[in-house]
Each structure stands twice: as structure tokens, then as C-alpha cells.
C-alpha atoms as a PDB file:
ATOM      1  CA  MET A   1     103.772  87.862 124.259  1.00  0.00           C
ATOM      2  CA  ASN A   2     100.290  89.230 124.873  1.00  0.00           C
ATOM      3  CA  MET A   3      98.673  91.203 122.082  1.00  0.00           C
ATOM      4  CA  ILE A   4      95.912  93.691 122.864  1.00  0.00           C
ATOM      5  CA  SER A   5      92.964  93.579 120.433  1.00  0.00           C
ATOM      6  CA  LYS A   6      91.565  96.963 119.411  1.00  0.00           C
ATOM      7  CA  LYS A   7      89.231  98.631 116.942  1.00  0.00           C
ATOM      8  CA  ILE A   8      88.617 102.290 116.175  1.00  0.00           C
ATOM      9  CA  ASP A   9      85.405 103.732 114.726  1.00  0.00           C
ATOM     10  CA  SER A  10      86.894 104.922 111.427  1.00  0.00           C
ATOM     11  CA  THR A  11      87.851 101.429 110.242  1.00  0.00           C
ATOM     12  CA  PRO A  12      86.135  98.019 110.083  1.00  0.00           C
ATOM     13  CA  MET A  13      89.506  96.358 110.739  1.00  0.00           C
ATOM     14  CA  TRP A  14      90.412  94.891 114.095  1.00  0.00           C
ATOM     15  CA  TYR A  15      94.069  95.191 114.993  1.00  0.00           C
ATOM     16  CA  TYR A  16      96.339  93.654 117.593  1.00  0.00           C
ATOM     17  CA  ILE A  17      99.233  95.481 119.233  1.00  0.00           C
ATOM     18  CA  SER A  18     101.958  94.278 121.556  1.00  0.00           C
ATOM     19  CA  GLU A  19     101.805  95.428 125.163  1.00  0.00           C
ATOM     20  CA  THR A  20     105.438  96.514 125.310  1.00  0.00           C
ATOM     21  CA  LYS A  21     106.148  99.587 123.204  1.00  0.00           C
ATOM     22  CA  TYR A  22     109.398 100.466 121.436  1.00  0.00           C
ATOM     23  CA  ASP A  23     110.611 103.405 119.361  1.00  0.00           C
ATOM     24  CA  GLU A  24     110.128 101.465 116.120  1.00  0.00           C
ATOM     25  CA  THR A  25     107.027  99.652 114.888  1.00  0.00           C
ATOM     26  CA  ILE A  26     106.564  96.717 112.542  1.00  0.00           C
ATOM     27  CA  LEU A  27     103.162  95.992 110.996  1.00  0.00           C
ATOM     28  CA  PHE A  28     102.332  92.620 109.416  1.00  0.00           C
ATOM     29  CA  LEU A  29      99.635  92.187 106.730  1.00  0.00           C
ATOM     30  CA  HIS A  30      98.372  88.655 106.127  1.00  0.00           C
ATOM     31  CA  SER A  31      97.378  86.793 102.964  1.00  0.00           C
ATOM     32  CA  ALA A  32      93.861  86.293 101.622  1.00  0.00           C
ATOM     33  CA  PHE A  33      91.609  83.774 103.413  1.00  0.00           C
ATOM     34  CA  ALA A  34      93.716  84.009 106.589  1.00  0.00           C
ATOM     35  CA  ASP A  35      93.752  86.355 109.596  1.00  0.00           C
ATOM     36  CA  HIS A  36      96.205  87.947 112.009  1.00  0.00           C
ATOM     37  CA  THR A  37      97.178  84.536 113.443  1.00  0.00           C
ATOM     38  CA  GLN A  38      99.134  83.850 110.249  1.00  0.00           C
ATOM     39  CA  TYR A  39     101.949  85.721 112.017  1.00  0.00           C
ATOM     40  CA  ALA A  40     101.752  83.810 115.303  1.00  0.00           C
ATOM     41  CA  LYS A  41     105.332  82.548 114.841  1.00  0.00           C
ATOM     42  CA  GLN A  42     106.658  86.048 114.208  1.00  0.00           C
ATOM     43  CA  ILE A  43     105.186  87.903 117.181  1.00  0.00           C
ATOM     44  CA  GLU A  44     107.428  86.472 119.911  1.00  0.00           C
ATOM     45  CA  ASP A  45     110.683  87.296 118.113  1.00  0.00           C
ATOM     46  CA  PHE A  46     109.785  90.733 116.782  1.00  0.00           C
ATOM     47  CA  SER A  47     108.024  91.964 119.928  1.00  0.00           C
ATOM     48  CA  GLN A  48     111.369  91.811 121.745  1.00  0.00           C
ATOM     49  CA  LYS A  49     112.719  94.690 119.645  1.00  0.00           C
ATOM     50  CA  PHE A  50     109.686  96.403 118.087  1.00  0.00           C
ATOM     51  CA  THR A  51     106.148  97.449 118.771  1.00  0.00           C
ATOM     52  CA  VAL A  52     104.263  94.805 116.760  1.00  0.00           C
ATOM     53  CA  ILE A  53     100.905  95.304 115.044  1.00  0.00           C
ATOM     54  CA  THR A  54      98.901  92.672 113.197  1.00  0.00           C
ATOM     55  CA  VAL A  55      95.444  93.126 111.687  1.00  0.00           C
ATOM     56  CA  ASP A  56      92.443  91.235 110.413  1.00  0.00           C
ATOM     57  CA  LEU A  57      91.940  92.612 106.907  1.00  0.00           C
ATOM     58  CA  ILE A  58      88.402  93.550 105.930  1.00  0.00           C
ATOM     59  CA  GLY A  59      86.255  90.424 105.513  1.00  0.00           C
ATOM     60  CA  HIS A  60      88.780  88.327 107.459  1.00  0.00           C
ATOM     61  CA  GLY A  61      88.923  87.215 111.084  1.00  0.00           C
ATOM     62  CA  LYS A  62      86.937  89.562 113.311  1.00  0.00           C
ATOM     63  CA  SER A  63      86.725  92.281 110.621  1.00  0.00           C
ATOM     64  CA  THR A  64      83.447  91.116 109.087  1.00  0.00           C
ATOM     65  CA  LYS A  65      81.100  93.843 110.326  1.00  0.00           C
ATOM     66  CA  THR A  66      81.164  96.500 107.647  1.00  0.00           C
ATOM     67  CA  LYS A  67      79.157  99.486 106.507  1.00  0.00           C
ATOM     68  CA  LYS A  68      78.337 100.830 103.065  1.00  0.00           C
ATOM     69  CA  GLY A  69      81.450 102.124 101.342  1.00  0.00           C
ATOM     70  CA  ASP A  70      83.916  99.902 103.188  1.00  0.00           C
ATOM     71  CA  GLY A  71      86.342  97.942 101.011  1.00  0.00           C
ATOM     72  CA  ILE A  72      89.806  96.445 100.844  1.00  0.00           C
ATOM     73  CA  GLU A  73      90.834  99.288  98.520  1.00  0.00           C
ATOM     74  CA  LYS A  74      90.602 101.553 101.599  1.00  0.00           C
ATOM     75  CA  THR A  75      93.026  99.434 103.630  1.00  0.00           C
ATOM     76  CA  SER A  76      95.788 102.046 103.406  1.00  0.00           C
ATOM     77  CA  MET A  77      93.510 104.682 104.905  1.00  0.00           C
ATOM     78  CA  TYR A  78      92.438 102.259 107.641  1.00  0.00           C
ATOM     79  CA  ILE A  79      96.086 101.549 108.485  1.00  0.00           C
ATOM     80  CA  LYS A  80      96.883 105.276 108.564  1.00  0.00           C
ATOM     81  CA  ASP A  81      94.029 105.831 111.018  1.00  0.00           C
ATOM     82  CA  ILE A  82      95.246 102.959 113.216  1.00  0.00           C
ATOM     83  CA  LEU A  83      98.798 104.316 113.263  1.00  0.00           C
ATOM     84  CA  HIS A  84      97.554 107.808 114.104  1.00  0.00           C
ATOM     85  CA  ALA A  85      95.436 106.388 116.934  1.00  0.00           C
ATOM     86  CA  GLU A  86      98.589 104.756 118.348  1.00  0.00           C
ATOM     87  CA  ASN A  87     100.701 107.915 117.805  1.00  0.00           C
ATOM     88  CA  ILE A  88     102.980 106.085 115.361  1.00  0.00           C
ATOM     89  CA  VAL A  89     104.532 108.293 112.672  1.00  0.00           C
ATOM     90  CA  LYS A  90     106.696 105.743 110.820  1.00  0.00           C
ATOM     91  CA  VAL A  91     106.409 101.994 110.344  1.00  0.00           C
ATOM     92  CA  HIS A  92     108.186  98.964 108.899  1.00  0.00           C
ATOM     93  CA  LEU A  93     105.687  97.028 106.765  1.00  0.00           C
ATOM     94  CA  VAL A  94     105.754  93.285 106.089  1.00  0.00           C
ATOM     95  CA  GLY A  95     103.266  91.560 103.790  1.00  0.00           C
ATOM     96  CA  VAL A  96     102.741  88.091 102.357  1.00  0.00           C
ATOM     97  CA  SER A  97     100.650  87.474  99.199  1.00  0.00           C
ATOM     98  CA  ILE A  98      97.887  90.114  99.084  1.00  0.00           C
ATOM     99  CA  GLY A  99      99.520  91.535 102.179  1.00  0.00           C
ATOM    100  CA  ALA A 100     102.458  92.398  99.907  1.00  0.00           C
ATOM    101  CA  VAL A 101     100.091  94.216  97.540  1.00  0.00           C
ATOM    102  CA  LEU A 102      98.542  96.193 100.401  1.00  0.00           C
ATOM    103  CA  VAL A 103     101.950  97.068 101.847  1.00  0.00           C
ATOM    104  CA  GLN A 104     102.918  98.653  98.530  1.00  0.00           C
ATOM    105  CA  ASP A 105      99.623 100.497  98.214  1.00  0.00           C
ATOM    106  CA  PHE A 106     100.141 102.042 101.651  1.00  0.00           C
ATOM    107  CA  ALA A 107     103.722 102.962 100.758  1.00  0.00           C
ATOM    108  CA  ASN A 108     102.533 104.582  97.507  1.00  0.00           C
ATOM    109  CA  LYS A 109      99.947 106.678  99.320  1.00  0.00           C
ATOM    110  CA  TYR A 110     101.842 107.533 102.507  1.00  0.00           C
ATOM    111  CA  PRO A 111     105.590 107.265 101.728  1.00  0.00           C
ATOM    112  CA  GLU A 112     106.453 109.678 104.528  1.00  0.00           C
ATOM    113  CA  MET A 113     105.172 107.085 107.032  1.00  0.00           C
ATOM    114  CA  VAL A 114     107.284 104.212 105.656  1.00  0.00           C
ATOM    115  CA  ALA A 115     110.568 103.095 107.232  1.00  0.00           C
ATOM    116  CA  SER A 116     110.898  99.990 105.007  1.00  0.00           C
ATOM    117  CA  ILE A 117     108.829  97.380 103.187  1.00  0.00           C
ATOM    118  CA  ALA A 118     109.286  93.608 103.003  1.00  0.00           C
ATOM    119  CA  CYS A 119     107.071  91.800 100.484  1.00  0.00           C
ATOM    120  CA  PHE A 120     106.829  88.051  99.936  1.00  0.00           C
ATOM    121  CA  GLY A 121     104.763  86.079  97.454  1.00  0.00           C
ATOM    122  CA  GLY A 122     103.709  89.303  95.779  1.00  0.00           C
ATOM    123  CA  TYR A 123     104.564  91.377  92.714  1.00  0.00           C
ATOM    124  CA  ASP A 124     105.509  94.947  91.908  1.00  0.00           C
ATOM    125  CA  ILE A 125     102.131  96.682  91.715  1.00  0.00           C
ATOM    126  CA  ASN A 126     103.746  99.716  90.074  1.00  0.00           C
ATOM    127  CA  ASN A 127     105.143  97.658  87.185  1.00  0.00           C
ATOM    128  CA  PHE A 128     102.907  94.604  86.863  1.00  0.00           C
ATOM    129  CA  ASP A 129     103.174  92.903  83.480  1.00  0.00           C
ATOM    130  CA  THR A 130      99.739  92.821  81.808  1.00  0.00           C
ATOM    131  CA  SER A 131     100.107  89.241  80.539  1.00  0.00           C
ATOM    132  CA  MET A 132     101.059  88.097  84.028  1.00  0.00           C
ATOM    133  CA  GLN A 133      98.107  90.041  85.411  1.00  0.00           C
ATOM    134  CA  LYS A 134      95.740  88.145  83.098  1.00  0.00           C
ATOM    135  CA  GLU A 135      97.279  84.791  84.062  1.00  0.00           C
ATOM    136  CA  ASN A 136      96.954  85.681  87.735  1.00  0.00           C
ATOM    137  CA  GLY A 137      93.332  86.711  87.212  1.00  0.00           C
ATOM    138  CA  LYS A 138      92.462  83.374  85.571  1.00  0.00           C
ATOM    139  CA  ALA A 139      94.002  81.410  88.449  1.00  0.00           C
ATOM    140  CA  GLN A 140      92.111  83.487  91.000  1.00  0.00           C
ATOM    141  CA  GLY A 141      88.869  83.028  89.073  1.00  0.00           C
ATOM    142  CA  LEU A 142      89.220  79.256  89.175  1.00  0.00           C
ATOM    143  CA  MET A 143      89.791  79.291  92.919  1.00  0.00           C
ATOM    144  CA  MET A 144      86.746  81.511  93.441  1.00  0.00           C
ATOM    145  CA  LEU A 145      84.654  79.068  91.431  1.00  0.00           C
ATOM    146  CA  LYS A 146      85.738  76.240  93.702  1.00  0.00           C
ATOM    147  CA  ALA A 147      84.793  78.291  96.750  1.00  0.00           C
ATOM    148  CA  ILE A 148      81.291  78.927  95.408  1.00  0.00           C
ATOM    149  CA  PHE A 149      80.641  75.190  95.170  1.00  0.00           C
ATOM    150  CA  SER A 150      82.397  74.138  98.368  1.00  0.00           C
ATOM    151  CA  ILE A 151      84.527  76.083 100.824  1.00  0.00           C
ATOM    152  CA  LYS A 152      86.164  72.796 101.916  1.00  0.00           C
ATOM    153  CA  TRP A 153      87.070  71.950  98.310  1.00  0.00           C
ATOM    154  CA  PHE A 154      88.508  75.431  97.934  1.00  0.00           C
ATOM    155  CA  ALA A 155      90.424  75.211 101.237  1.00  0.00           C
ATOM    156  CA  GLN A 156      91.873  71.813 100.334  1.00  0.00           C
ATOM    157  CA  SER A 157      93.098  73.087  96.947  1.00  0.00           C
ATOM    158  CA  ASN A 158      94.315  76.401  98.292  1.00  0.00           C
ATOM    159  CA  LYS A 159      96.434  74.923 101.077  1.00  0.00           C
ATOM    160  CA  LEU A 160      98.338  72.779  98.559  1.00  0.00           C
ATOM    161  CA  ILE A 161      99.290  75.693  96.295  1.00  0.00           C
ATOM    162  CA  SER A 162      99.938  78.114  99.170  1.00  0.00           C
ATOM    163  CA  ALA A 163     101.967  76.208 101.764  1.00  0.00           C
ATOM    164  CA  TYR A 164     104.691  73.608 101.304  1.00  0.00           C
ATOM    165  CA  THR A 165     105.165  71.973 104.696  1.00  0.00           C
ATOM    166  CA  PRO A 166     102.400  69.706 106.100  1.00  0.00           C
ATOM    167  CA  GLN A 167     102.120  71.759 109.285  1.00  0.00           C
ATOM    168  CA  ALA A 168     101.705  75.039 107.433  1.00  0.00           C
ATOM    169  CA  GLN A 169      99.200  73.433 105.057  1.00  0.00           C
ATOM    170  CA  GLU A 170      97.038  72.259 107.938  1.00  0.00           C
ATOM    171  CA  GLU A 171      97.214  75.618 109.737  1.00  0.00           C
ATOM    172  CA  PHE A 172      96.278  77.492 106.564  1.00  0.00           C
ATOM    173  CA  TYR A 173      93.470  75.024 105.808  1.00  0.00           C
ATOM    174  CA  GLN A 174      91.889  75.761 109.185  1.00  0.00           C
ATOM    175  CA  MET A 175      91.953  79.492 108.425  1.00  0.00           C
ATOM    176  CA  ASN A 176      90.444  78.941 104.964  1.00  0.00           C
ATOM    177  CA  ILE A 177      87.459  76.848 106.028  1.00  0.00           C
ATOM    178  CA  SER A 178      86.286  79.620 108.357  1.00  0.00           C
ATOM    179  CA  PHE A 179      86.520  82.295 105.660  1.00  0.00           C
ATOM    180  CA  PRO A 180      83.014  83.712 104.937  1.00  0.00           C
ATOM    181  CA  LYS A 181      81.879  83.302 101.335  1.00  0.00           C
ATOM    182  CA  LYS A 182      80.437  86.826 101.339  1.00  0.00           C
ATOM    183  CA  SER A 183      83.933  88.195 101.976  1.00  0.00           C
ATOM    184  CA  PHE A 184      85.169  87.145  98.531  1.00  0.00           C
ATOM    185  CA  MET A 185      83.599  90.306  97.133  1.00  0.00           C
ATOM    186  CA  TYR A 186      86.119  92.476  98.974  1.00  0.00           C
ATOM    187  CA  LEU A 187      89.087  90.967  97.127  1.00  0.00           C
ATOM    188  CA  ALA A 188      88.020  92.473  93.774  1.00  0.00           C
ATOM    189  CA  GLY A 189      89.141  95.880  95.019  1.00  0.00           C
ATOM    190  CA  LEU A 190      92.788  94.808  94.787  1.00  0.00           C
ATOM    191  CA  ASN A 191      92.789  95.260  90.998  1.00  0.00           C
ATOM    192  CA  GLY A 192      92.417  99.005  91.396  1.00  0.00           C
ATOM    193  CA  MET A 193      95.836  99.226  93.073  1.00  0.00           C
ATOM    194  CA  VAL A 194      97.828  97.886  90.113  1.00  0.00           C
ATOM    195  CA  ASN A 195      99.900 100.186  87.859  1.00  0.00           C
ATOM    196  CA  LYS A 196      98.455 103.340  89.397  1.00  0.00           C
ATOM    197  CA  CYS A 197     101.677 104.860  90.695  1.00  0.00           C
ATOM    198  CA  ILE A 198     105.040 105.544  89.066  1.00  0.00           C
ATOM    199  CA  THR A 199     106.703 107.218  92.034  1.00  0.00           C
ATOM    200  CA  LYS A 200     110.254 106.038  92.719  1.00  0.00           C
ATOM    201  CA  ARG A 201     110.542 104.239  96.041  1.00  0.00           C
ATOM    202  CA  SER A 202     113.103 105.811  98.363  1.00  0.00           C
ATOM    203  CA  TYR A 203     112.877 103.428 101.343  1.00  0.00           C
ATOM    204  CA  PRO A 204     114.615 100.039 101.809  1.00  0.00           C
ATOM    205  CA  ILE A 205     112.872  97.144 100.019  1.00  0.00           C
ATOM    206  CA  LEU A 206     113.107  93.402 100.613  1.00  0.00           C
ATOM    207  CA  ILE A 207     111.304  91.073  98.198  1.00  0.00           C
ATOM    208  CA  GLY A 208     111.132  87.311  97.919  1.00  0.00           C
ATOM    209  CA  CYS A 209     109.203  84.057  97.892  1.00  0.00           C
ATOM    210  CA  GLY A 210     109.692  80.344  98.456  1.00  0.00           C
ATOM    211  CA  ASP A 211     111.574  78.166  95.979  1.00  0.00           C
ATOM    212  CA  GLN A 212     108.507  75.893  95.850  1.00  0.00           C
ATOM    213  CA  ASP A 213     106.121  78.724  94.931  1.00  0.00           C
ATOM    214  CA  ILE A 214     104.541  78.693  91.463  1.00  0.00           C
ATOM    215  CA  PRO A 215     106.811  79.692  88.518  1.00  0.00           C
ATOM    216  CA  MET A 216     104.807  82.865  87.914  1.00  0.00           C
ATOM    217  CA  GLU A 217     105.686  84.108  91.396  1.00  0.00           C
ATOM    218  CA  LEU A 218     109.394  83.371  90.959  1.00  0.00           C
ATOM    219  CA  ASN A 219     109.249  85.299  87.675  1.00  0.00           C
ATOM    220  CA  ALA A 220     107.443  88.168  89.384  1.00  0.00           C
ATOM    221  CA  VAL A 221     110.201  88.492  91.981  1.00  0.00           C
ATOM    222  CA  GLU A 222     112.869  88.522  89.269  1.00  0.00           C
ATOM    223  CA  MET A 223     111.000  91.178  87.271  1.00  0.00           C
ATOM    224  CA  TRP A 224     110.497  93.285  90.392  1.00  0.00           C
ATOM    225  CA  HIS A 225     114.199  93.217  91.212  1.00  0.00           C
ATOM    226  CA  THR A 226     114.960  94.264  87.631  1.00  0.00           C
ATOM    227  CA  SER A 227     112.751  97.344  88.000  1.00  0.00           C
ATOM    228  CA  GLU A 228     114.026  98.016  91.565  1.00  0.00           C
ATOM    229  CA  PRO A 229     117.740  97.028  91.387  1.00  0.00           C
ATOM    230  CA  ASN A 230     118.399  98.427  94.860  1.00  0.00           C
ATOM    231  CA  SER A 231     115.957  95.960  96.407  1.00  0.00           C
ATOM    232  CA  GLN A 232     117.180  92.976  98.381  1.00  0.00           C
ATOM    233  CA  VAL A 233     115.986  89.529  97.263  1.00  0.00           C
ATOM    234  CA  MET A 234     115.522  86.360  99.286  1.00  0.00           C
ATOM    235  CA  ILE A 235     114.326  83.025  97.912  1.00  0.00           C
ATOM    236  CA  PHE A 236     113.582  80.689 100.821  1.00  0.00           C
ATOM    237  CA  LYS A 237     114.448  77.022 100.400  1.00  0.00           C
ATOM    238  CA  ASN A 238     111.774  74.394 101.088  1.00  0.00           C
ATOM    239  CA  ALA A 239     109.009  77.013 101.233  1.00  0.00           C
ATOM    240  CA  GLY A 240     105.958  77.769  99.150  1.00  0.00           C
ATOM    241  CA  HIS A 241     103.837  80.913  98.888  1.00  0.00           C
ATOM    242  CA  LEU A 242     103.404  81.394 102.628  1.00  0.00           C
ATOM    243  CA  VAL A 243     107.063  81.655 103.536  1.00  0.00           C
ATOM    244  CA  ASN A 244     106.485  82.947 107.062  1.00  0.00           C
ATOM    245  CA  MET A 245     104.485  79.813 107.893  1.00  0.00           C
ATOM    246  CA  ASP A 246     106.634  77.279 106.023  1.00  0.00           C
ATOM    247  CA  VAL A 247     110.021  78.402 107.355  1.00  0.00           C
ATOM    248  CA  PRO A 248     109.344  80.750 110.292  1.00  0.00           C
ATOM    249  CA  ILE A 249     112.834  80.581 111.820  1.00  0.00           C
ATOM    250  CA  GLU A 250     114.554  81.501 108.555  1.00  0.00           C
ATOM    251  CA  PHE A 251     111.901  84.095 107.743  1.00  0.00           C
ATOM    252  CA  ASN A 252     112.246  85.809 111.110  1.00  0.00           C
ATOM    253  CA  LYS A 253     116.032  86.021 110.814  1.00  0.00           C
ATOM    254  CA  VAL A 254     115.984  87.411 107.273  1.00  0.00           C
ATOM    255  CA  VAL A 255     113.333  90.042 108.027  1.00  0.00           C
ATOM    256  CA  MET A 256     114.899  90.984 111.363  1.00  0.00           C
ATOM    257  CA  ASP A 257     118.339  91.468 109.802  1.00  0.00           C
ATOM    258  CA  PHE A 258     116.831  93.519 106.982  1.00  0.00           C
ATOM    259  CA  ILE A 259     114.924  95.840 109.301  1.00  0.00           C
ATOM    260  CA  LEU A 260     117.818  96.334 111.703  1.00  0.00           C
ATOM    261  CA  CYS A 261     120.009  97.314 108.758  1.00  0.00           C
ATOM    262  CA  ALA A 262     117.268  99.603 107.421  1.00  0.00           C
ATOM    263  CA  LYS A 263     117.440 101.854 110.465  1.00  0.00           C
END
């Protein structure tokens, strides 16, 4: 399936949209240190039933040319502008890792544009435990320190804690080593999205992670389901943090079934 690359003036983010258009749209948001190709194994399946959009988040992939005032905290506004440019009024959102955080931020700000959300390897940004937030911050700080000294050292460490299968680890490593050091500064803006909204979510929610992800993530999914008992939960076997890369066939089926039922 061919994807058309586009960029509009109001956003630094490049996006990629399937040539064939359908009534419903699904938008995928990738993890940190990756780019839109993280969803290469999803595009073929989903583009047979949906208009598919992927993006390069700010500081990632082709989205490295920025102007003063640009930041990852404006991602929701950038996505809104992209959807308006494509005349899309409602969207299914899928995110992995920080993509899951950004999916929720968009849904908090523009709930009327949300058909459903599916979040993996993330946490409930509306009810994020402060002790878990501190633990997460320490882990991120250590990884940033590694990146300052050597991007290869960072990429080698990051692939092992992010992906479980050797193929996914190698694919993610290749994305990581091309990540610009200057782009680390954009990630700090994610903290401003946490515990800022208490609005009840009224759209279908799917949450999950891999059974080989870190214990903190498994706990985060459990806590999220407790606060959102109507959410659906999926723990993927033999998968780490990047479930869509580790077990793409299973991931595609679970997300496809969820979205088709969310209509």
C-alpha cells in the first residue's frame, strides 16, 4: 500500500496518508526515538478497511525542521490541523509508548473528534500515580544520560528494554541510532500532559502491553483498568513494550476487532 507523504504549514510534523480513502480513519502515533515506519506492519492490513494516517512526531523522522514555539506539547493541535486539512471529522487513535500519552492528550482536548482510542505501553495520564511518575522519570533520566555520552550505547540499551523479539530489537535499534540528540529536548513537554484533565471518557478504550514489558508498565495497565472499568485490556504474550513490532499479527487482529466493534 502506497502512503502519500504530506506536510502543512501550521505544523512541523510530516504525515503519511493512504491513497485509498474510506469513511473511517485510523491514526497511529509512534514511540519515542522511532518514526512513522514503526507501523510498517500495520499499514497493509488496516488500509484495506480504513483511511490510514501515520506521522513523524516533532524531532523524529522528517519532522526535525522547527520554528520557535514548536513543541511536542502542541502535538494535539498539529493533529487537529492535519485532520482538518484532510476533511476528517472523527478518528480512531492508536498509540504505543509516548504515542499512547499523545493519543490521550488529543482525546482530552478534542473528544468530539474521537471515535476510539487504543493505547499500549502507556499509562492513564488523567490518573497517573505520583510515585510511579517519579520512578518513570528516574528511568528516563538514566536513558537520557546514556544518550548524551553515546547514541549507540543508548540505542543498544533501549532496544533491549523496548522490544522482545530479535527482529523487533534490530528494527528499533536502527531507528534509535538515527535519532538526533537535539531532539531529546522536545520530550520534556510530555510532563505537562499528566493529571491535567478529569473529564470522563465516553468513547471506547483499549489498553494493554506485552507480558515481557517492565513490571511498572504491567502495573500501570492494571491501575488504568481500575480507574476505567469499561476499558478493554489485552496483554500480549511474548511481547515487550513495542507490542506492534514484537507480535504484529496478533496486534493487528486485536486492534482491528476492537475498532470494528467500536463503530
